[in-house]
Amino acid sequence: MSKNILLLALCIIIAGIAEAQKATTTKQAVATTQSESPQQKTKELIRKMSASCSLRPEQVTKLTSAYVEYYTKHDALKKQKDILDKSSYDDRSDAMKKSRDAAIKSTLTAGQYKQWTAAKDKEKKEAKKGKQEE
């Protein structure tokens, strides 16, 4: 009887340790994505765009500068989130997104833009599906 209780307690402790480690790993992954610099975020995004749209070198240059500018401003805005009221924050965020989208549309051809939006939509669906499975 005593051995059974000891064995049960040991199993509970091991399960608790495993869950704690899993939660720590998830927190570290989230912290890593939040701490990426605008250049790192842009590099990853341009890599994805090139893979789906076959970008020309001059397009890569224009898009890189547009996304670095967007991410830099967005990170600065996120730091001010506590200071600004919600409507002001949303207005600034929307203006930055419109500016970024205008730069994308003016740089990509119509076919490339369709390919990029399709790739983004597919990625969002896969991410949503992955979250539902967790």
Protein backbone atom coordinates (compact mmCIF):
# COMPACT_ATOMS: atom_id res chain seq x y z
CA MET A 1 0.00 0.00 0.00
CA SER A 2 2.79 2.38 0.94
CA LYS A 3 4.64 1.61 -2.29
CA ASN A 4 1.53 2.38 -4.35
CA ILE A 5 1.09 5.77 -2.69
CA LEU A 6 4.76 6.57 -3.21
CA LEU A 7 4.55 5.54 -6.86
CA LEU A 8 1.44 7.68 -7.40
CA ALA A 9 3.09 10.70 -5.78
CA LEU A 10 6.17 10.24 -7.96
CA CYS A 11 4.03 10.11 -11.12
CA ILE A 12 2.22 13.31 -10.14
CA ILE A 13 5.51 15.11 -9.49
CA ILE A 14 6.95 14.03 -12.85
CA ALA A 15 3.81 15.14 -14.68
CA GLY A 16 3.96 18.52 -12.94
CA ILE A 17 7.59 19.02 -13.91
CA ALA A 18 6.84 18.14 -17.52
CA GLU A 19 3.97 20.66 -17.70
CA ALA A 20 6.09 23.38 -16.12
CA GLN A 21 8.85 22.83 -18.65
CA LYS A 22 6.34 22.90 -21.51
CA ALA A 23 4.94 26.23 -20.27
CA THR A 24 8.43 27.71 -19.92
CA THR A 25 9.35 26.67 -23.47
CA THR A 26 6.18 28.29 -24.83
CA LYS A 27 6.89 31.53 -22.95
CA GLN A 28 10.44 31.58 -24.31
CA ALA A 29 9.16 31.13 -27.87
CA VAL A 30 6.75 34.04 -27.46
CA ALA A 31 9.47 36.23 -25.92
CA THR A 32 11.81 35.42 -28.81
CA THR A 33 9.32 36.53 -31.46
CA GLN A 34 8.55 39.71 -29.54
CA SER A 35 12.19 40.71 -29.18
CA GLU A 36 13.14 40.44 -32.86
CA SER A 37 14.49 43.64 -34.38
CA PRO A 38 12.69 45.31 -37.30
CA GLN A 39 15.51 44.15 -39.59
CA GLN A 40 15.09 40.53 -38.49
CA LYS A 41 11.33 40.66 -38.94
CA THR A 42 11.75 42.24 -42.36
CA LYS A 43 14.36 39.70 -43.47
CA GLU A 44 12.04 36.81 -42.59
CA LEU A 45 9.06 38.44 -44.28
CA ILE A 46 11.01 39.25 -47.46
CA ARG A 47 12.23 35.65 -47.55
CA LYS A 48 8.62 34.46 -47.46
CA MET A 49 7.58 37.01 -50.10
CA SER A 50 10.43 35.99 -52.40
CA ALA A 51 9.47 32.35 -52.06
CA SER A 52 5.83 32.99 -52.97
CA CYS A 53 6.18 35.86 -55.47
CA SER A 54 9.61 35.58 -57.14
CA LEU A 55 10.69 39.14 -56.31
CA ARG A 56 13.18 41.08 -58.42
CA PRO A 57 16.17 42.69 -56.65
CA GLU A 58 14.78 46.23 -56.96
CA GLN A 59 11.50 45.04 -55.46
CA VAL A 60 13.36 43.46 -52.55
CA THR A 61 15.11 46.79 -51.88
CA LYS A 62 11.88 48.81 -51.92
CA LEU A 63 9.96 46.33 -49.81
CA THR A 64 12.80 45.99 -47.32
CA SER A 65 12.91 49.73 -46.70
CA ALA A 66 9.09 49.92 -46.45
CA TYR A 67 8.89 47.07 -43.93
CA VAL A 68 11.84 48.26 -41.82
CA GLU A 69 10.18 51.67 -41.59
CA TYR A 70 6.83 50.08 -40.70
CA TYR A 71 8.24 47.76 -38.03
CA THR A 72 10.35 50.54 -36.51
CA LYS A 73 7.35 52.86 -36.22
CA HIS A 74 5.12 50.02 -35.03
CA ASP A 75 7.54 49.06 -32.26
CA ALA A 76 7.73 52.70 -31.14
CA LEU A 77 3.94 52.92 -31.16
CA LYS A 78 3.63 49.72 -29.10
CA LYS A 79 5.86 51.30 -26.45
CA GLN A 80 3.42 54.23 -26.25
CA LYS A 81 0.35 52.00 -26.02
CA ASP A 82 -0.11 52.64 -22.30
CA ILE A 83 0.15 56.42 -22.78
CA LEU A 84 -2.21 56.75 -25.75
CA ASP A 85 -5.94 56.22 -25.66
CA LYS A 86 -7.32 53.32 -27.69
CA SER A 87 -8.75 55.38 -30.58
CA SER A 88 -5.53 57.35 -31.03
CA TYR A 89 -3.49 54.16 -30.98
CA ASP A 90 -5.82 52.49 -33.49
CA ASP A 91 -5.77 55.53 -35.80
CA ARG A 92 -1.97 55.64 -35.86
CA SER A 93 -1.73 51.90 -36.35
CA ASP A 94 -4.23 51.99 -39.24
CA ALA A 95 -2.38 54.88 -40.89
CA MET A 96 0.90 52.95 -40.71
CA LYS A 97 -0.73 49.84 -42.16
CA LYS A 98 -2.25 51.83 -45.04
CA SER A 99 1.12 53.38 -45.81
CA ARG A 100 2.78 49.95 -45.75
CA ASP A 101 0.07 48.41 -47.93
CA ALA A 102 0.35 51.26 -50.44
CA ALA A 103 4.10 50.66 -50.70
CA ILE A 104 3.49 46.93 -51.25
CA LYS A 105 0.85 47.51 -53.93
CA SER A 106 3.02 50.03 -55.76
CA THR A 107 6.04 47.70 -55.71
CA LEU A 108 4.48 44.36 -56.60
CA THR A 109 2.79 43.56 -59.88
CA ALA A 110 -0.90 42.59 -59.77
CA GLY A 111 -0.04 38.90 -60.13
CA GLN A 112 2.60 39.04 -57.42
CA TYR A 113 0.21 40.86 -55.09
CA LYS A 114 -2.40 38.13 -55.61
CA GLN A 115 0.20 35.45 -54.92
CA TRP A 116 1.33 37.24 -51.76
CA THR A 117 -2.19 37.73 -50.39
CA ALA A 118 -2.99 34.07 -51.12
CA ALA A 119 0.19 32.96 -49.33
CA LYS A 120 -0.62 35.17 -46.31
CA ASP A 121 -4.17 33.84 -46.13
CA LYS A 122 -2.92 30.26 -46.30
CA GLU A 123 -0.40 30.92 -43.53
CA LYS A 124 -3.09 32.50 -41.34
CA LYS A 125 -5.39 29.51 -41.85
CA GLU A 126 -2.59 27.10 -40.95
CA ALA A 127 -1.72 29.11 -37.84
CA LYS A 128 -5.35 29.19 -36.80
CA LYS A 129 -5.65 25.45 -37.39
CA GLY A 130 -2.50 24.86 -35.34
CA LYS A 131 -3.85 26.88 -32.42
CA GLN A 132 -7.10 24.94 -32.45
CA GLU A 133 -5.21 21.65 -32.24
CA GLU A 134 -3.39 22.79 -29.09
